[in-house]
Every structure is written in structure tokens, then in C-alpha cells.
Amino acid sequence: MSMKCPTCKRPVLQKVTLEESLLANRCDKCEGNWIDSEQYWSWLDAHSETLPEKEPEVSFEINDSQKAKLCPQCNRILIKYKVGRGTNFHLDHCSSCNGVWFDKNEWETLKARNLHDEIHCIFTQSWQRQVRQEEIEENLDLIYTQKFGSEDYQELQKIKAWLNDRPQKLALLAYLNDENPYKLSPPANL
């Protein structure tokens, strides 16, 4: 059965070996890859334990197509899932046959980060919740940097880290928050 490329709609995807014992179907025009669910799980079972995540040594240009795509296997709409973890692209997953479409260089980027053996995790609620949390933190970081200025914000982060390590954190915060911590309060019964 010939499969259409989800991105450029060409009628034939060519079989390629993406990794040792991992077959994929590649579009020779857009260079995207389709990995069948059974192929991925067979490769993952034969693959050793999950590799530790790492910072990439090289970066790849990725054209993460935002258009809706159809599954080349069962013709259903592919659902986009953000990858997160310092990457800025989505994977397209078929919820019917569980195959995954990788736009050009997405597989290579995940492999460079040692995330290629955790593809199945990206489609889980817990992974997506973590991606949303990362985005919230990045946005708040930008807001605080704009509000306080880069230098003051970095100093605040150091102070916050220092305070968090202190057993009397609340007393220290109360001291800092009091305009005049040396002023005596009058006794309550006067």
C-alpha cells in the first residue's frame, strides 16, 4: 500500500532505515519521516535502557509545519503534541494507529537530546502538563526580567535561593518586610 506524505501530499513514501532496526517511511521532497507504531515499539524493545537526556551539541533547522495533516496509514487527522524540554516544535501523532510523523530534522533533534527513546511519553498527559508548566515559567521569567531588569532579577533569584535554604526563612522575610524592624511595639494591654 502506498502512503501519502502528510506534509506535501506526495503519493509515495520510501522505506528507509532511520536507526539500526528502525524502519521509517520518508518523503524525498520534504524529508519528513513516518514511523509506524509497531516499528517504534519493536525498536524500543530491542534498544537498551532509556538514555539520559542531554543538551544538544548541534542544532538542526526544523520546519514544523502548522497545517493539519492526515495519517499516511489510516487517513485520520494527526494530533499535534508539543515536545518541550528546550525544543520548539510539535510531533504529529495518530490516535488511531499510533504512528508518528516527524517533520524534517525533528527525529535528529530528539536523538541529539536523547529523547528519541521517549517518543511514546510525549503523548501522555503528564508530559504535556510538564510542557505547559515549562511555558508558564518561561513567560513569567520574561515578565520578571522586564519588570525588574535583568541585573536586579538575577540578584533577586540569588536572594530567593539563599532564603529558601534558611531554617528561619519566615522570620527573615518578616524582618525584610518590616519598614522599621527596630521599633518596639507598645504592649497590647495599654
C-alpha atoms as a PDB file:
ATOM      1  CA  MET A   1       0.000   0.000   0.000  1.00  0.00           C
ATOM      2  CA  SER A   2       1.457   3.389  -0.948  1.00  0.00           C
ATOM      3  CA  MET A   3       1.258   6.160   1.609  1.00  0.00           C
ATOM      4  CA  LYS A   4       0.871   9.895   1.015  1.00  0.00           C
ATOM      5  CA  CYS A   5       3.204  12.348   2.705  1.00  0.00           C
ATOM      6  CA  PRO A   6       1.220  14.200   5.410  1.00  0.00           C
ATOM      7  CA  THR A   7       3.083  17.442   4.658  1.00  0.00           C
ATOM      8  CA  CYS A   8       3.449  17.753   0.874  1.00  0.00           C
ATOM      9  CA  LYS A   9       0.828  15.125  -0.143  1.00  0.00           C
ATOM     10  CA  ARG A  10       3.163  13.253  -2.496  1.00  0.00           C
ATOM     11  CA  PRO A  11       1.768   9.795  -3.178  1.00  0.00           C
ATOM     12  CA  VAL A  12       4.762   7.649  -2.270  1.00  0.00           C
ATOM     13  CA  LEU A  13       6.869   7.470   0.879  1.00  0.00           C
ATOM     14  CA  GLN A  14      10.109   5.477   0.564  1.00  0.00           C
ATOM     15  CA  LYS A  15      11.222   2.894   3.130  1.00  0.00           C
ATOM     16  CA  VAL A  16      14.432   3.930   4.915  1.00  0.00           C
ATOM     17  CA  THR A  17      16.405   2.722   7.912  1.00  0.00           C
ATOM     18  CA  LEU A  18      16.247   5.547  10.428  1.00  0.00           C
ATOM     19  CA  GLU A  19      18.232   3.731  13.114  1.00  0.00           C
ATOM     20  CA  GLU A  20      19.586   0.229  13.379  1.00  0.00           C
ATOM     21  CA  SER A  21      16.474  -1.978  13.290  1.00  0.00           C
ATOM     22  CA  LEU A  22      14.129   1.019  12.988  1.00  0.00           C
ATOM     23  CA  LEU A  23      12.397   1.348   9.637  1.00  0.00           C
ATOM     24  CA  ALA A  24      10.581   4.504   8.640  1.00  0.00           C
ATOM     25  CA  ASN A  25       8.860   5.886   5.556  1.00  0.00           C
ATOM     26  CA  ARG A  26      10.470   9.073   4.212  1.00  0.00           C
ATOM     27  CA  CYS A  27       9.271  11.696   1.784  1.00  0.00           C
ATOM     28  CA  ASP A  28      12.134  12.522  -0.573  1.00  0.00           C
ATOM     29  CA  LYS A  29      10.734  16.026  -1.144  1.00  0.00           C
ATOM     30  CA  CYS A  30      10.188  17.403   2.396  1.00  0.00           C
ATOM     31  CA  GLU A  31      12.416  14.791   4.113  1.00  0.00           C
ATOM     32  CA  GLY A  32       9.811  14.056   6.772  1.00  0.00           C
ATOM     33  CA  ASN A  33       9.610  10.561   8.327  1.00  0.00           C
ATOM     34  CA  TRP A  34       6.665   8.383   9.262  1.00  0.00           C
ATOM     35  CA  ILE A  35       7.306   5.815  11.974  1.00  0.00           C
ATOM     36  CA  ASP A  36       4.772   3.063  12.336  1.00  0.00           C
ATOM     37  CA  SER A  37       3.838   2.277  15.938  1.00  0.00           C
ATOM     38  CA  GLU A  38       4.828  -1.396  15.682  1.00  0.00           C
ATOM     39  CA  GLN A  39       8.213  -0.465  14.204  1.00  0.00           C
ATOM     40  CA  TYR A  40       8.860   2.003  17.017  1.00  0.00           C
ATOM     41  CA  TRP A  41       7.882  -0.430  19.805  1.00  0.00           C
ATOM     42  CA  SER A  42       9.966  -3.235  18.278  1.00  0.00           C
ATOM     43  CA  TRP A  43      12.946  -0.892  18.051  1.00  0.00           C
ATOM     44  CA  LEU A  44      12.374   0.381  21.598  1.00  0.00           C
ATOM     45  CA  ASP A  45      12.179  -3.178  22.964  1.00  0.00           C
ATOM     46  CA  ALA A  46      15.477  -4.044  21.249  1.00  0.00           C
ATOM     47  CA  HIS A  47      17.015  -0.710  22.280  1.00  0.00           C
ATOM     48  CA  SER A  48      18.824  -0.664  25.608  1.00  0.00           C
ATOM     49  CA  GLU A  49      17.550   1.294  28.596  1.00  0.00           C
ATOM     50  CA  THR A  50      16.347   4.875  28.250  1.00  0.00           C
ATOM     51  CA  LEU A  51      19.273   7.204  27.717  1.00  0.00           C
ATOM     52  CA  PRO A  52      19.726  10.225  29.997  1.00  0.00           C
ATOM     53  CA  GLU A  53      18.570  13.499  28.494  1.00  0.00           C
ATOM     54  CA  LYS A  54      21.356  15.827  27.382  1.00  0.00           C
ATOM     55  CA  GLU A  55      21.889  19.273  25.959  1.00  0.00           C
ATOM     56  CA  PRO A  56      22.311  19.184  22.182  1.00  0.00           C
ATOM     57  CA  GLU A  57      25.776  19.635  20.728  1.00  0.00           C
ATOM     58  CA  VAL A  58      24.404  20.695  17.351  1.00  0.00           C
ATOM     59  CA  SER A  59      21.183  22.378  16.312  1.00  0.00           C
ATOM     60  CA  PHE A  60      19.079  21.443  13.342  1.00  0.00           C
ATOM     61  CA  GLU A  61      16.829  23.638  11.257  1.00  0.00           C
ATOM     62  CA  ILE A  62      13.261  22.479  11.693  1.00  0.00           C
ATOM     63  CA  ASN A  63      10.268  23.459   9.609  1.00  0.00           C
ATOM     64  CA  ASP A  64       7.485  22.476  11.965  1.00  0.00           C
ATOM     65  CA  SER A  65       4.512  22.626   9.625  1.00  0.00           C
ATOM     66  CA  GLN A  66       1.472  24.011  11.429  1.00  0.00           C
ATOM     67  CA  LYS A  67      -1.021  22.767   8.851  1.00  0.00           C
ATOM     68  CA  ALA A  68      -3.373  19.918   9.695  1.00  0.00           C
ATOM     69  CA  LYS A  69      -2.024  16.597   8.465  1.00  0.00           C
ATOM     70  CA  LEU A  70      -3.599  13.263   7.649  1.00  0.00           C
ATOM     71  CA  CYS A  71      -2.191   9.952   8.771  1.00  0.00           C
ATOM     72  CA  PRO A  72      -0.482   8.208   5.843  1.00  0.00           C
ATOM     73  CA  GLN A  73      -1.573   4.841   7.242  1.00  0.00           C
ATOM     74  CA  CYS A  74      -5.226   5.260   8.167  1.00  0.00           C
ATOM     75  CA  ASN A  75      -6.051   8.742   6.777  1.00  0.00           C
ATOM     76  CA  ARG A  76      -7.182  10.189  10.135  1.00  0.00           C
ATOM     77  CA  ILE A  77      -6.233  13.669  11.321  1.00  0.00           C
ATOM     78  CA  LEU A  78      -2.903  13.730  13.148  1.00  0.00           C
ATOM     79  CA  ILE A  79      -2.886  15.427  16.545  1.00  0.00           C
ATOM     80  CA  LYS A  80      -0.063  17.851  17.373  1.00  0.00           C
ATOM     81  CA  TYR A  81       1.835  17.448  20.640  1.00  0.00           C
ATOM     82  CA  LYS A  82       4.433  19.927  21.870  1.00  0.00           C
ATOM     83  CA  VAL A  83       7.743  18.285  22.673  1.00  0.00           C
ATOM     84  CA  GLY A  84       9.058  20.850  25.181  1.00  0.00           C
ATOM     85  CA  ARG A  85      12.332  20.239  27.025  1.00  0.00           C
ATOM     86  CA  GLY A  86      14.053  23.109  25.254  1.00  0.00           C
ATOM     87  CA  THR A  87      12.698  22.252  21.819  1.00  0.00           C
ATOM     88  CA  ASN A  88      10.266  24.402  19.925  1.00  0.00           C
ATOM     89  CA  PHE A  89       8.287  22.024  17.742  1.00  0.00           C
ATOM     90  CA  HIS A  90       5.368  19.585  17.719  1.00  0.00           C
ATOM     91  CA  LEU A  91       5.141  15.928  16.822  1.00  0.00           C
ATOM     92  CA  ASP A  92       2.146  14.746  14.806  1.00  0.00           C
ATOM     93  CA  HIS A  93       0.575  11.602  16.280  1.00  0.00           C
ATOM     94  CA  CYS A  94      -2.237   9.400  15.010  1.00  0.00           C
ATOM     95  CA  SER A  95      -4.541   8.447  17.854  1.00  0.00           C
ATOM     96  CA  SER A  96      -5.960   5.610  15.753  1.00  0.00           C
ATOM     97  CA  CYS A  97      -2.882   3.644  14.599  1.00  0.00           C
ATOM     98  CA  ASN A  98      -0.376   5.387  16.962  1.00  0.00           C
ATOM     99  CA  GLY A  99       2.115   6.222  14.207  1.00  0.00           C
ATOM    100  CA  VAL A 100       4.149   9.434  14.378  1.00  0.00           C
ATOM    101  CA  TRP A 101       5.116  11.954  11.712  1.00  0.00           C
ATOM    102  CA  PHE A 102       8.446  13.743  12.118  1.00  0.00           C
ATOM    103  CA  ASP A 103       8.977  16.871  10.028  1.00  0.00           C
ATOM    104  CA  LYS A 104      12.497  17.294   8.641  1.00  0.00           C
ATOM    105  CA  ASN A 105      15.157  17.116  11.397  1.00  0.00           C
ATOM    106  CA  GLU A 106      12.719  16.521  14.265  1.00  0.00           C
ATOM    107  CA  TRP A 107      13.970  12.942  14.763  1.00  0.00           C
ATOM    108  CA  GLU A 108      17.588  14.141  14.586  1.00  0.00           C
ATOM    109  CA  THR A 109      16.894  16.857  17.163  1.00  0.00           C
ATOM    110  CA  LEU A 110      15.292  14.380  19.553  1.00  0.00           C
ATOM    111  CA  LYS A 111      18.141  11.933  19.025  1.00  0.00           C
ATOM    112  CA  ALA A 112      20.708  14.663  19.768  1.00  0.00           C
ATOM    113  CA  ARG A 113      18.901  15.273  23.097  1.00  0.00           C
ATOM    114  CA  ASN A 114      18.483  11.522  23.828  1.00  0.00           C
ATOM    115  CA  LEU A 115      14.725  11.991  23.714  1.00  0.00           C
ATOM    116  CA  HIS A 116      14.210   9.679  20.717  1.00  0.00           C
ATOM    117  CA  ASP A 117      13.674   6.747  23.082  1.00  0.00           C
ATOM    118  CA  GLU A 118      10.894   8.607  24.922  1.00  0.00           C
ATOM    119  CA  ILE A 119       8.654   9.464  21.958  1.00  0.00           C
ATOM    120  CA  HIS A 120       5.784   7.458  23.455  1.00  0.00           C
ATOM    121  CA  CYS A 121       5.927   9.610  26.614  1.00  0.00           C
ATOM    122  CA  ILE A 122       5.422  12.873  24.708  1.00  0.00           C
ATOM    123  CA  PHE A 123       1.795  11.941  24.019  1.00  0.00           C
ATOM    124  CA  THR A 124       0.917  11.449  27.702  1.00  0.00           C
ATOM    125  CA  GLN A 125      -0.982  13.902  29.901  1.00  0.00           C
ATOM    126  CA  SER A 126       1.881  14.123  32.389  1.00  0.00           C
ATOM    127  CA  TRP A 127       4.422  15.088  29.691  1.00  0.00           C
ATOM    128  CA  GLN A 128       2.071  17.693  28.208  1.00  0.00           C
ATOM    129  CA  ARG A 129       1.348  19.086  31.692  1.00  0.00           C
ATOM    130  CA  GLN A 130       5.108  19.477  32.200  1.00  0.00           C
ATOM    131  CA  VAL A 131       5.424  21.230  28.812  1.00  0.00           C
ATOM    132  CA  ARG A 132       2.708  23.713  29.834  1.00  0.00           C
ATOM    133  CA  GLN A 133       4.471  24.310  33.170  1.00  0.00           C
ATOM    134  CA  GLU A 134       7.761  24.994  31.341  1.00  0.00           C
ATOM    135  CA  GLU A 135       5.984  27.524  29.112  1.00  0.00           C
ATOM    136  CA  ILE A 136       4.424  29.268  32.121  1.00  0.00           C
ATOM    137  CA  GLU A 137       7.810  29.505  33.843  1.00  0.00           C
ATOM    138  CA  GLU A 138       9.481  30.869  30.685  1.00  0.00           C
ATOM    139  CA  ASN A 139       6.740  33.506  30.289  1.00  0.00           C
ATOM    140  CA  LEU A 140       6.950  34.545  33.937  1.00  0.00           C
ATOM    141  CA  ASP A 141      10.733  34.707  33.671  1.00  0.00           C
ATOM    142  CA  LEU A 142      10.358  37.166  30.764  1.00  0.00           C
ATOM    143  CA  ILE A 143       7.791  39.226  32.676  1.00  0.00           C
ATOM    144  CA  TYR A 144      10.003  39.436  35.788  1.00  0.00           C
ATOM    145  CA  THR A 145      13.050  40.307  33.698  1.00  0.00           C
ATOM    146  CA  GLN A 146      11.132  43.142  32.023  1.00  0.00           C
ATOM    147  CA  LYS A 147       9.640  44.339  35.314  1.00  0.00           C
ATOM    148  CA  PHE A 148      12.808  44.302  37.456  1.00  0.00           C
ATOM    149  CA  GLY A 149      15.541  44.478  34.853  1.00  0.00           C
ATOM    150  CA  SER A 150      17.939  41.631  34.155  1.00  0.00           C
ATOM    151  CA  GLU A 151      20.541  42.521  36.807  1.00  0.00           C
ATOM    152  CA  ASP A 152      18.039  43.048  39.646  1.00  0.00           C
ATOM    153  CA  TYR A 153      16.097  39.927  38.698  1.00  0.00           C
ATOM    154  CA  GLN A 154      19.248  37.799  38.816  1.00  0.00           C
ATOM    155  CA  GLU A 155      20.081  39.243  42.248  1.00  0.00           C
ATOM    156  CA  LEU A 156      16.530  38.518  43.450  1.00  0.00           C
ATOM    157  CA  GLN A 157      16.877  34.913  42.314  1.00  0.00           C
ATOM    158  CA  LYS A 158      20.101  34.566  44.327  1.00  0.00           C
ATOM    159  CA  ILE A 159      18.439  36.063  47.420  1.00  0.00           C
ATOM    160  CA  LYS A 160      15.410  33.802  47.000  1.00  0.00           C
ATOM    161  CA  ALA A 161      17.627  30.705  46.722  1.00  0.00           C
ATOM    162  CA  TRP A 162      19.558  31.811  49.812  1.00  0.00           C
ATOM    163  CA  LEU A 163      16.326  32.400  51.785  1.00  0.00           C
ATOM    164  CA  ASN A 164      14.889  29.034  50.795  1.00  0.00           C
ATOM    165  CA  ASP A 165      17.893  27.304  52.401  1.00  0.00           C
ATOM    166  CA  ARG A 166      17.467  29.039  55.774  1.00  0.00           C
ATOM    167  CA  PRO A 167      15.581  27.378  58.657  1.00  0.00           C
ATOM    168  CA  GLN A 168      14.292  30.810  59.806  1.00  0.00           C
ATOM    169  CA  LYS A 169      13.037  31.805  56.375  1.00  0.00           C
ATOM    170  CA  LEU A 170       9.744  33.291  57.630  1.00  0.00           C
ATOM    171  CA  ALA A 171      11.436  35.391  60.331  1.00  0.00           C
ATOM    172  CA  LEU A 172      13.956  36.669  57.765  1.00  0.00           C
ATOM    173  CA  LEU A 173      11.134  37.594  55.394  1.00  0.00           C
ATOM    174  CA  ALA A 174       9.260  39.364  58.207  1.00  0.00           C
ATOM    175  CA  TYR A 175      12.409  41.336  59.022  1.00  0.00           C
ATOM    176  CA  LEU A 176      12.838  42.345  55.386  1.00  0.00           C
ATOM    177  CA  ASN A 177       9.179  43.252  55.058  1.00  0.00           C
ATOM    178  CA  ASP A 178       9.097  45.458  58.181  1.00  0.00           C
ATOM    179  CA  GLU A 179       9.856  49.120  57.394  1.00  0.00           C
ATOM    180  CA  ASN A 180      11.445  49.579  60.825  1.00  0.00           C
ATOM    181  CA  PRO A 181      12.273  46.225  62.411  1.00  0.00           C
ATOM    182  CA  TYR A 182      13.968  48.018  65.373  1.00  0.00           C
ATOM    183  CA  LYS A 183      10.873  49.850  66.529  1.00  0.00           C
ATOM    184  CA  LEU A 184       9.301  48.423  69.670  1.00  0.00           C
ATOM    185  CA  SER A 185       5.564  47.884  69.596  1.00  0.00           C
ATOM    186  CA  PRO A 186       3.602  49.186  72.550  1.00  0.00           C
ATOM    187  CA  PRO A 187       2.265  46.439  74.861  1.00  0.00           C
ATOM    188  CA  ALA A 188      -1.159  45.205  73.804  1.00  0.00           C
ATOM    189  CA  ASN A 189      -2.847  45.980  77.202  1.00  0.00           C
ATOM    190  CA  LEU A 190      -2.098  49.730  77.262  1.00  0.00           C
END
